[in-house]
Amino acid sequence: MTITLNADNPPIKIDGHDSAIIGMDARSGALVYGYWALVDSFVSQGMDHEEAIEWIDYNIVGAYVGEMTPIIVGEMEEEDIKDLLDEHGD
């Protein structure tokens, strides 16, 4: 897959949390972060677990700063994905 970045509209980074980047959106070029990886990153910088979750939910997940707003994905275990698909399947 090749993603062409627009120099006039670069992806928005969450400063200091590159370790939580899991990819790039193929359509927009926005950066994609893992939710739990973000939590771990904030905890490694001194926040406690609950404080990190609250801060991320309010300041990152709840924010929209244009079409290049980072995408936050809640990582799931394979078994949880299977259960979700079974629950909502055809």
PDB file of N, CA and C in Angstrom:
ATOM      1  N   MET A   1       0.851  -1.173   0.000  1.00  0.00           N
ATOM      2  CA  MET A   1       0.000   0.000   0.000  1.00  0.00           C
ATOM      3  C   MET A   1       0.894   1.232   0.000  1.00  0.00           C
ATOM      4  N   THR A   2       0.579   2.162  -0.856  1.00  0.00           N
ATOM      5  CA  THR A   2       1.307   3.417  -0.915  1.00  0.00           C
ATOM      6  C   THR A   2       0.379   4.539  -0.481  1.00  0.00           C
ATOM      7  N   ILE A   3       0.851   5.355   0.451  1.00  0.00           N
ATOM      8  CA  ILE A   3       0.071   6.499   0.914  1.00  0.00           C
ATOM      9  C   ILE A   3       0.832   7.750   0.520  1.00  0.00           C
ATOM     10  N   THR A   4       0.161   8.626  -0.200  1.00  0.00           N
ATOM     11  CA  THR A   4       0.768   9.890  -0.605  1.00  0.00           C
ATOM     12  C   THR A   4       0.348  10.964   0.375  1.00  0.00           C
ATOM     13  N   LEU A   5       1.332  11.600   0.999  1.00  0.00           N
ATOM     14  CA  LEU A   5       1.043  12.658   1.960  1.00  0.00           C
ATOM     15  C   LEU A   5       0.928  13.999   1.261  1.00  0.00           C
ATOM     16  N   ASN A   6       0.035  14.806   1.756  1.00  0.00           N
ATOM     17  CA  ASN A   6      -0.163  16.152   1.245  1.00  0.00           C
ATOM     18  C   ASN A   6       0.650  17.106   2.110  1.00  0.00           C
ATOM     19  N   ALA A   7       1.673  17.724   1.530  1.00  0.00           N
ATOM     20  CA  ALA A   7       2.547  18.623   2.288  1.00  0.00           C
ATOM     21  C   ALA A   7       1.785  19.816   2.852  1.00  0.00           C
ATOM     22  N   ASP A   8       0.681  20.190   2.218  1.00  0.00           N
ATOM     23  CA  ASP A   8      -0.120  21.315   2.695  1.00  0.00           C
ATOM     24  C   ASP A   8      -1.037  20.932   3.863  1.00  0.00           C
ATOM     25  N   ASN A   9      -1.203  19.642   4.089  1.00  0.00           N
ATOM     26  CA  ASN A   9      -2.100  19.163   5.138  1.00  0.00           C
ATOM     27  C   ASN A   9      -1.481  17.915   5.787  1.00  0.00           C
ATOM     28  N   PRO A  10      -0.376  18.100   6.520  1.00  0.00           N
ATOM     29  CA  PRO A  10       0.331  16.941   7.082  1.00  0.00           C
ATOM     30  C   PRO A  10      -0.453  16.296   8.227  1.00  0.00           C
ATOM     31  N   PRO A  11      -0.137  15.037   8.541  1.00  0.00           N
ATOM     32  CA  PRO A  11      -0.811  14.372   9.661  1.00  0.00           C
ATOM     33  C   PRO A  11      -0.501  15.079  10.975  1.00  0.00           C
ATOM     34  N   ILE A  12      -1.443  15.048  11.884  1.00  0.00           N
ATOM     35  CA  ILE A  12      -1.271  15.659  13.205  1.00  0.00           C
ATOM     36  C   ILE A  12      -0.771  14.585  14.160  1.00  0.00           C
ATOM     37  N   LYS A  13       0.338  14.888  14.838  1.00  0.00           N
ATOM     38  CA  LYS A  13       0.911  13.950  15.798  1.00  0.00           C
ATOM     39  C   LYS A  13       0.468  14.301  17.210  1.00  0.00           C
ATOM     40  N   ILE A  14       0.404  13.280  18.048  1.00  0.00           N
ATOM     41  CA  ILE A  14       0.224  13.474  19.478  1.00  0.00           C
ATOM     42  C   ILE A  14       1.635  13.495  20.049  1.00  0.00           C
ATOM     43  N   ASP A  15       2.137  14.696  20.324  1.00  0.00           N
ATOM     44  CA  ASP A  15       3.539  14.868  20.708  1.00  0.00           C
ATOM     45  C   ASP A  15       3.946  13.978  21.870  1.00  0.00           C
ATOM     46  N   GLY A  16       5.088  13.341  21.711  1.00  0.00           N
ATOM     47  CA  GLY A  16       5.658  12.526  22.760  1.00  0.00           C
ATOM     48  C   GLY A  16       5.104  11.118  22.847  1.00  0.00           C
ATOM     49  N   HIS A  17       4.266  10.732  21.872  1.00  0.00           N
ATOM     50  CA  HIS A  17       3.629   9.423  21.964  1.00  0.00           C
ATOM     51  C   HIS A  17       3.740   8.638  20.654  1.00  0.00           C
ATOM     52  N   ASP A  18       4.872   8.809  19.976  1.00  0.00           N
ATOM     53  CA  ASP A  18       5.095   8.093  18.716  1.00  0.00           C
ATOM     54  C   ASP A  18       5.032   6.577  18.896  1.00  0.00           C
ATOM     55  N   SER A  19       5.375   6.110  20.091  1.00  0.00           N
ATOM     56  CA  SER A  19       5.376   4.662  20.332  1.00  0.00           C
ATOM     57  C   SER A  19       3.973   4.061  20.222  1.00  0.00           C
ATOM     58  N   ALA A  20       2.947   4.891  20.279  1.00  0.00           N
ATOM     59  CA  ALA A  20       1.562   4.407  20.205  1.00  0.00           C
ATOM     60  C   ALA A  20       1.006   4.436  18.786  1.00  0.00           C
ATOM     61  N   ILE A  21       1.794   4.913  17.819  1.00  0.00           N
ATOM     62  CA  ILE A  21       1.341   4.932  16.422  1.00  0.00           C
ATOM     63  C   ILE A  21       1.338   3.503  15.897  1.00  0.00           C
ATOM     64  N   ILE A  22       0.199   3.088  15.338  1.00  0.00           N
ATOM     65  CA  ILE A  22       0.111   1.740  14.783  1.00  0.00           C
ATOM     66  C   ILE A  22      -0.067   1.748  13.269  1.00  0.00           C
ATOM     67  N   GLY A  23      -0.191   2.934  12.682  1.00  0.00           N
ATOM     68  CA  GLY A  23      -0.326   3.001  11.237  1.00  0.00           C
ATOM     69  C   GLY A  23      -0.818   4.351  10.768  1.00  0.00           C
ATOM     70  N   MET A  24      -1.256   4.339   9.504  1.00  0.00           N
ATOM     71  CA  MET A  24      -1.771   5.536   8.854  1.00  0.00           C
ATOM     72  C   MET A  24      -3.042   5.171   8.118  1.00  0.00           C
ATOM     73  N   ASP A  25      -4.018   6.059   8.161  1.00  0.00           N
ATOM     74  CA  ASP A  25      -5.260   5.833   7.436  1.00  0.00           C
ATOM     75  C   ASP A  25      -4.977   5.883   5.932  1.00  0.00           C
ATOM     76  N   ALA A  26      -5.385   4.868   5.214  1.00  0.00           N
ATOM     77  CA  ALA A  26      -5.093   4.770   3.790  1.00  0.00           C
ATOM     78  C   ALA A  26      -5.807   5.831   2.961  1.00  0.00           C
ATOM     79  N   ARG A  27      -6.923   6.327   3.441  1.00  0.00           N
ATOM     80  CA  ARG A  27      -7.664   7.343   2.684  1.00  0.00           C
ATOM     81  C   ARG A  27      -7.151   8.744   2.944  1.00  0.00           C
ATOM     82  N   SER A  28      -7.069   9.103   4.214  1.00  0.00           N
ATOM     83  CA  SER A  28      -6.758  10.498   4.545  1.00  0.00           C
ATOM     84  C   SER A  28      -5.284  10.748   4.822  1.00  0.00           C
ATOM     85  N   GLY A  29      -4.557   9.724   5.220  1.00  0.00           N
ATOM     86  CA  GLY A  29      -3.163   9.912   5.628  1.00  0.00           C
ATOM     87  C   GLY A  29      -3.030  10.278   7.101  1.00  0.00           C
ATOM     88  N   ALA A  30      -4.161  10.315   7.836  1.00  0.00           N
ATOM     89  CA  ALA A  30      -4.121  10.626   9.266  1.00  0.00           C
ATOM     90  C   ALA A  30      -3.404   9.505  10.008  1.00  0.00           C
ATOM     91  N   LEU A  31      -2.693   9.868  11.061  1.00  0.00           N
ATOM     92  CA  LEU A  31      -2.020   8.865  11.881  1.00  0.00           C
ATOM     93  C   LEU A  31      -3.041   8.088  12.690  1.00  0.00           C
ATOM     94  N   VAL A  32      -2.760   6.807  12.905  1.00  0.00           N
ATOM     95  CA  VAL A  32      -3.631   5.933  13.680  1.00  0.00           C
ATOM     96  C   VAL A  32      -2.857   5.493  14.921  1.00  0.00           C
ATOM     97  N   TYR A  33      -3.477   5.701  16.074  1.00  0.00           N
ATOM     98  CA  TYR A  33      -2.874   5.341  17.356  1.00  0.00           C
ATOM     99  C   TYR A  33      -3.684   4.240  18.009  1.00  0.00           C
ATOM    100  N   GLY A  34      -2.999   3.346  18.703  1.00  0.00           N
ATOM    101  CA  GLY A  34      -3.667   2.347  19.518  1.00  0.00           C
ATOM    102  C   GLY A  34      -4.047   2.965  20.858  1.00  0.00           C
ATOM    103  N   TYR A  35      -5.300   2.802  21.256  1.00  0.00           N
ATOM    104  CA  TYR A  35      -5.794   3.394  22.494  1.00  0.00           C
ATOM    105  C   TYR A  35      -4.978   2.928  23.702  1.00  0.00           C
ATOM    106  N   TRP A  36      -4.830   1.614  23.844  1.00  0.00           N
ATOM    107  CA  TRP A  36      -4.130   1.090  25.017  1.00  0.00           C
ATOM    108  C   TRP A  36      -2.640   1.384  24.952  1.00  0.00           C
ATOM    109  N   ALA A  37      -2.099   1.488  23.741  1.00  0.00           N
ATOM    110  CA  ALA A  37      -0.705   1.896  23.600  1.00  0.00           C
ATOM    111  C   ALA A  37      -0.537   3.348  24.050  1.00  0.00           C
ATOM    112  N   LEU A  38      -1.537   4.186  23.767  1.00  0.00           N
ATOM    113  CA  LEU A  38      -1.510   5.566  24.263  1.00  0.00           C
ATOM    114  C   LEU A  38      -1.558   5.604  25.784  1.00  0.00           C
ATOM    115  N   VAL A  39      -2.450   4.789  26.355  1.00  0.00           N
ATOM    116  CA  VAL A  39      -2.533   4.726  27.818  1.00  0.00           C
ATOM    117  C   VAL A  39      -1.173   4.351  28.386  1.00  0.00           C
ATOM    118  N   ASP A  40      -0.560   3.310  27.842  1.00  0.00           N
ATOM    119  CA  ASP A  40       0.762   2.874  28.319  1.00  0.00           C
ATOM    120  C   ASP A  40       1.792   3.980  28.173  1.00  0.00           C
ATOM    121  N   SER A  41       1.729   4.721  27.074  1.00  0.00           N
ATOM    122  CA  SER A  41       2.681   5.801  26.841  1.00  0.00           C
ATOM    123  C   SER A  41       2.520   6.916  27.877  1.00  0.00           C
ATOM    124  N   PHE A  42       1.275   7.294  28.156  1.00  0.00           N
ATOM    125  CA  PHE A  42       1.037   8.333  29.168  1.00  0.00           C
ATOM    126  C   PHE A  42       1.453   7.850  30.560  1.00  0.00           C
ATOM    127  N   VAL A  43       1.189   6.587  30.865  1.00  0.00           N
ATOM    128  CA  VAL A  43       1.592   6.027  32.157  1.00  0.00           C
ATOM    129  C   VAL A  43       3.115   6.031  32.277  1.00  0.00           C
ATOM    130  N   SER A  44       3.806   5.701  31.196  1.00  0.00           N
ATOM    131  CA  SER A  44       5.274   5.685  31.232  1.00  0.00           C
ATOM    132  C   SER A  44       5.856   7.084  31.446  1.00  0.00           C
ATOM    133  N   GLN A  45       5.041   8.107  31.177  1.00  0.00           N
ATOM    134  CA  GLN A  45       5.485   9.490  31.376  1.00  0.00           C
ATOM    135  C   GLN A  45       5.010  10.061  32.713  1.00  0.00           C
ATOM    136  N   GLY A  46       4.432   9.200  33.571  1.00  0.00           N
ATOM    137  CA  GLY A  46       4.140   9.632  34.924  1.00  0.00           C
ATOM    138  C   GLY A  46       2.692   9.704  35.352  1.00  0.00           C
ATOM    139  N   MET A  47       1.747   9.554  34.437  1.00  0.00           N
ATOM    140  CA  MET A  47       0.341   9.560  34.846  1.00  0.00           C
ATOM    141  C   MET A  47      -0.008   8.201  35.426  1.00  0.00           C
ATOM    142  N   ASP A  48      -0.989   8.166  36.342  1.00  0.00           N
ATOM    143  CA  ASP A  48      -1.483   6.852  36.747  1.00  0.00           C
ATOM    144  C   ASP A  48      -2.488   6.385  35.683  1.00  0.00           C
ATOM    145  N   HIS A  49      -2.841   5.111  35.739  1.00  0.00           N
ATOM    146  CA  HIS A  49      -3.654   4.474  34.698  1.00  0.00           C
ATOM    147  C   HIS A  49      -5.000   5.185  34.494  1.00  0.00           C
ATOM    148  N   GLU A  50      -5.730   5.427  35.576  1.00  0.00           N
ATOM    149  CA  GLU A  50      -7.042   6.070  35.477  1.00  0.00           C
ATOM    150  C   GLU A  50      -6.935   7.503  34.957  1.00  0.00           C
ATOM    151  N   GLU A  51      -5.930   8.227  35.420  1.00  0.00           N
ATOM    152  CA  GLU A  51      -5.712   9.596  34.965  1.00  0.00           C
ATOM    153  C   GLU A  51      -5.413   9.619  33.465  1.00  0.00           C
ATOM    154  N   ALA A  52      -4.611   8.664  33.003  1.00  0.00           N
ATOM    155  CA  ALA A  52      -4.277   8.588  31.576  1.00  0.00           C
ATOM    156  C   ALA A  52      -5.530   8.332  30.747  1.00  0.00           C
ATOM    157  N   ILE A  53      -6.355   7.390  31.189  1.00  0.00           N
ATOM    158  CA  ILE A  53      -7.598   7.082  30.462  1.00  0.00           C
ATOM    159  C   ILE A  53      -8.499   8.310  30.399  1.00  0.00           C
ATOM    160  N   GLU A  54      -8.678   8.965  31.520  1.00  0.00           N
ATOM    161  CA  GLU A  54      -9.541  10.153  31.569  1.00  0.00           C
ATOM    162  C   GLU A  54      -9.011  11.256  30.650  1.00  0.00           C
ATOM    163  N   TRP A  55      -7.702  11.488  30.686  1.00  0.00           N
ATOM    164  CA  TRP A  55      -7.092  12.551  29.877  1.00  0.00           C
ATOM    165  C   TRP A  55      -7.230  12.230  28.395  1.00  0.00           C
ATOM    166  N   ILE A  56      -6.946  10.988  28.026  1.00  0.00           N
ATOM    167  CA  ILE A  56      -7.037  10.572  26.619  1.00  0.00           C
ATOM    168  C   ILE A  56      -8.478  10.675  26.123  1.00  0.00           C
ATOM    169  N   ASP A  57      -9.421  10.170  26.917  1.00  0.00           N
ATOM    170  CA  ASP A  57     -10.823  10.203  26.496  1.00  0.00           C
ATOM    171  C   ASP A  57     -11.318  11.626  26.267  1.00  0.00           C
ATOM    172  N   TYR A  58     -10.946  12.533  27.153  1.00  0.00           N
ATOM    173  CA  TYR A  58     -11.437  13.901  27.048  1.00  0.00           C
ATOM    174  C   TYR A  58     -10.667  14.720  26.011  1.00  0.00           C
ATOM    175  N   ASN A  59      -9.354  14.659  26.050  1.00  0.00           N
ATOM    176  CA  ASN A  59      -8.517  15.552  25.243  1.00  0.00           C
ATOM    177  C   ASN A  59      -8.121  15.018  23.876  1.00  0.00           C
ATOM    178  N   ILE A  60      -8.200  13.716  23.676  1.00  0.00           N
ATOM    179  CA  ILE A  60      -7.781  13.152  22.387  1.00  0.00           C
ATOM    180  C   ILE A  60      -8.962  12.519  21.662  1.00  0.00           C
ATOM    181  N   VAL A  61      -9.585  11.529  22.301  1.00  0.00           N
ATOM    182  CA  VAL A  61     -10.722  10.862  21.654  1.00  0.00           C
ATOM    183  C   VAL A  61     -11.855  11.852  21.405  1.00  0.00           C
ATOM    184  N   GLY A  62     -12.059  12.764  22.337  1.00  0.00           N
ATOM    185  CA  GLY A  62     -13.142  13.734  22.221  1.00  0.00           C
ATOM    186  C   GLY A  62     -12.821  14.968  21.399  1.00  0.00           C
ATOM    187  N   ALA A  63     -11.644  15.009  20.800  1.00  0.00           N
ATOM    188  CA  ALA A  63     -11.226  16.202  20.057  1.00  0.00           C
ATOM    189  C   ALA A  63     -11.361  15.991  18.550  1.00  0.00           C
ATOM    190  N   TYR A  64     -11.695  17.058  17.854  1.00  0.00           N
ATOM    191  CA  TYR A  64     -11.653  17.068  16.398  1.00  0.00           C
ATOM    192  C   TYR A  64     -10.937  18.344  15.989  1.00  0.00           C
ATOM    193  N   VAL A  65      -9.815  18.176  15.288  1.00  0.00           N
ATOM    194  CA  VAL A  65      -9.026  19.342  14.888  1.00  0.00           C
ATOM    195  C   VAL A  65      -8.816  19.380  13.376  1.00  0.00           C
ATOM    196  N   GLY A  66      -9.806  18.886  12.654  1.00  0.00           N
ATOM    197  CA  GLY A  66      -9.745  18.897  11.202  1.00  0.00           C
ATOM    198  C   GLY A  66      -9.614  17.496  10.636  1.00  0.00           C
ATOM    199  N   GLU A  67      -9.549  17.424   9.308  1.00  0.00           N
ATOM    200  CA  GLU A  67      -9.556  16.114   8.641  1.00  0.00           C
ATOM    201  C   GLU A  67      -8.343  15.254   8.967  1.00  0.00           C
ATOM    202  N   MET A  68      -7.282  15.848   9.479  1.00  0.00           N
ATOM    203  CA  MET A  68      -6.088  15.076   9.830  1.00  0.00           C
ATOM    204  C   MET A  68      -6.021  14.758  11.326  1.00  0.00           C
ATOM    205  N   THR A  69      -7.156  14.900  12.021  1.00  0.00           N
ATOM    206  CA  THR A  69      -7.227  14.514  13.425  1.00  0.00           C
ATOM    207  C   THR A  69      -6.782  13.062  13.545  1.00  0.00           C
ATOM    208  N   PRO A  70      -5.896  12.755  14.477  1.00  0.00           N
ATOM    209  CA  PRO A  70      -5.477  11.364  14.643  1.00  0.00           C
ATOM    210  C   PRO A  70      -6.673  10.443  14.911  1.00  0.00           C
ATOM    211  N   ILE A  71      -6.574   9.249  14.399  1.00  0.00           N
ATOM    212  CA  ILE A  71      -7.595   8.221  14.599  1.00  0.00           C
ATOM    213  C   ILE A  71      -7.131   7.347  15.761  1.00  0.00           C
ATOM    214  N   ILE A  72      -8.027   7.095  16.703  1.00  0.00           N
ATOM    215  CA  ILE A  72      -7.701   6.270  17.862  1.00  0.00           C
ATOM    216  C   ILE A  72      -8.474   4.959  17.736  1.00  0.00           C
ATOM    217  N   VAL A  73      -7.744   3.857  17.770  1.00  0.00           N
ATOM    218  CA  VAL A  73      -8.340   2.536  17.606  1.00  0.00           C
ATOM    219  C   VAL A  73      -8.199   1.760  18.902  1.00  0.00           C
ATOM    220  N   GLY A  74      -9.304   1.198  19.352  1.00  0.00           N
ATOM    221  CA  GLY A  74      -9.268   0.334  20.527  1.00  0.00           C
ATOM    222  C   GLY A  74      -8.847  -1.067  20.120  1.00  0.00           C
ATOM    223  N   GLU A  75      -7.635  -1.440  20.470  1.00  0.00           N
ATOM    224  CA  GLU A  75      -7.144  -2.760  20.114  1.00  0.00           C
ATOM    225  C   GLU A  75      -7.983  -3.826  20.810  1.00  0.00           C
ATOM    226  N   MET A  76      -8.202  -4.933  20.112  1.00  0.00           N
ATOM    227  CA  MET A  76      -9.010  -6.025  20.660  1.00  0.00           C
ATOM    228  C   MET A  76      -8.256  -7.341  20.506  1.00  0.00           C
ATOM    229  N   GLU A  77      -8.460  -8.223  21.461  1.00  0.00           N
ATOM    230  CA  GLU A  77      -7.924  -9.574  21.361  1.00  0.00           C
ATOM    231  C   GLU A  77      -8.731 -10.340  20.316  1.00  0.00           C
ATOM    232  N   GLU A  78      -8.115 -11.337  19.689  1.00  0.00           N
ATOM    233  CA  GLU A  78      -8.777 -12.107  18.644  1.00  0.00           C
ATOM    234  C   GLU A  78     -10.095 -12.717  19.122  1.00  0.00           C
ATOM    235  N   GLU A  79     -10.123 -13.231  20.334  1.00  0.00           N
ATOM    236  CA  GLU A  79     -11.338 -13.838  20.877  1.00  0.00           C
ATOM    237  C   GLU A  79     -12.448 -12.793  21.027  1.00  0.00           C
ATOM    238  N   ASP A  80     -12.093 -11.571  21.442  1.00  0.00           N
ATOM    239  CA  ASP A  80     -13.089 -10.505  21.582  1.00  0.00           C
ATOM    240  C   ASP A  80     -13.655 -10.105  20.219  1.00  0.00           C
ATOM    241  N   ILE A  81     -12.818 -10.101  19.204  1.00  0.00           N
ATOM    242  CA  ILE A  81     -13.274  -9.783  17.846  1.00  0.00           C
ATOM    243  C   ILE A  81     -14.256 -10.852  17.377  1.00  0.00           C
ATOM    244  N   LYS A  82     -13.896 -12.120  17.602  1.00  0.00           N
ATOM    245  CA  LYS A  82     -14.778 -13.226  17.213  1.00  0.00           C
ATOM    246  C   LYS A  82     -16.131 -13.109  17.916  1.00  0.00           C
ATOM    247  N   ASP A  83     -16.115 -12.831  19.221  1.00  0.00           N
ATOM    248  CA  ASP A  83     -17.366 -12.685  19.966  1.00  0.00           C
ATOM    249  C   ASP A  83     -18.208 -11.533  19.421  1.00  0.00           C
ATOM    250  N   LEU A  84     -17.562 -10.419  19.099  1.00  0.00           N
ATOM    251  CA  LEU A  84     -18.272  -9.267  18.560  1.00  0.00           C
ATOM    252  C   LEU A  84     -18.913  -9.595  17.215  1.00  0.00           C
ATOM    253  N   LEU A  85     -18.160 -10.265  16.356  1.00  0.00           N
ATOM    254  CA  LEU A  85     -18.695 -10.634  15.041  1.00  0.00           C
ATOM    255  C   LEU A  85     -19.830 -11.651  15.183  1.00  0.00           C
ATOM    256  N   ASP A  86     -19.679 -12.601  16.106  1.00  0.00           N
ATOM    257  CA  ASP A  86     -20.746 -13.577  16.315  1.00  0.00           C
ATOM    258  C   ASP A  86     -22.013 -12.892  16.816  1.00  0.00           C
ATOM    259  N   GLU A  87     -21.843 -11.921  17.692  1.00  0.00           N
ATOM    260  CA  GLU A  87     -22.972 -11.205  18.285  1.00  0.00           C
ATOM    261  C   GLU A  87     -23.711 -10.359  17.255  1.00  0.00           C
ATOM    262  N   HIS A  88     -22.961  -9.782  16.311  1.00  0.00           N
ATOM    263  CA  HIS A  88     -23.561  -8.858  15.339  1.00  0.00           C
ATOM    264  C   HIS A  88     -23.504  -9.385  13.910  1.00  0.00           C
ATOM    265  N   GLY A  89     -23.239 -10.655  13.771  1.00  0.00           N
ATOM    266  CA  GLY A  89     -23.117 -11.251  12.433  1.00  0.00           C
ATOM    267  C   GLY A  89     -24.446 -11.395  11.730  1.00  0.00           C
ATOM    268  N   ASP A  90     -24.345 -11.880  10.513  1.00  0.00           N
ATOM    269  CA  ASP A  90     -25.546 -12.089   9.678  1.00  0.00           C
ATOM    270  C   ASP A  90     -26.377 -13.216  10.180  1.00  0.00           C
TER     271      ASP A  90
END
